[in-house]
């Protein structure tokens, strides 16, 4: 397997930009595009203005790499004010959620185990609209092996991998396959962690979430959604699509069948092969993950005018779904 060494950004040599990431070529879908060449290019002067503002924020890390700043600008259609807000939100949530953004060692046994029980992979080819689709599904349906927090941690690590690999893209499409999921899995979902993960995906991602598709929906799903929907912004709720097995043709309007893995009748490699490629990619990113953990917010230095992130516990979002009413 050929490896390509990808420089995180080659316009400067600031801190994390010196961390090279080896990405397996088979992980690549369509040709990866540099930040400065997508849609209307992010110009160096935009990065300079953004960084000048960043250096004036005492609570934020100052050595965020140029590529990351460009990603935020791209995701917010070059709006500097929205990019500032999203960046602050992103690093604030990463700081407030150490259970999913700290100790992200791809070689840690507990994270290696995640790939034994589930599949977490971007599809190799993009959707017709250029969007990258992520597929998450159960591999081993034994709920005793299911660790919700570690699964969330790995899925967000994979998202970091793809952002580094591809640079800015038109957006992401999340596919959640519920086949093999039961009430015992649901009972292990930590509500506070789920809220922080949802907040990050809705408010802190330097990329656009285009839609979320639940396929092979289980009967229990409507009760789960009744609890989850209050945590979603109206625009996110409108992105949520639930497809039963009988409604799969509607799903293929968003993600053509040929893009799916072989197990789904598509032309992409089987899920085990995709999983192995992603796991290898994460392992090769281990130095990047170690360096990234330095970039955190110091809340004690936050200016009074700057609104901090309220943790899930502040809103009484403790506990899990163990008491979910099945009647």
Foldseek 3Di string as FASTA:
>chain_A
DDWDWFQLDDPDDFQLSVDIFIAPPQQAAPDFDAQQPPDPGDDPVLLVVLLVVVVVFPFFDNRDDSLVLSLLCVQVVNDSVLSVQQQQLQQLLLQLCCLQQPPLQLPPPLLVLLLVFKFWFWQRYAAPQFAIEIEIETDHLPLVSDAQSSNLNLNVLLVVLVCSRRPATQAYEYEYECVSPDPSNQQNDWQLSVLSSQSCLVRHDSGHHQAYEYEQDDPCVVLVCVVCVVSDDPVHVVRYYYYHPVRVVVVCVGPPQQSDDVVSVHVTHHRSVRSVSSSVSSNSCSVSSVSVVVGHTDVVSGDPVDDGDDGSVVVVRGHGCNVRDPD
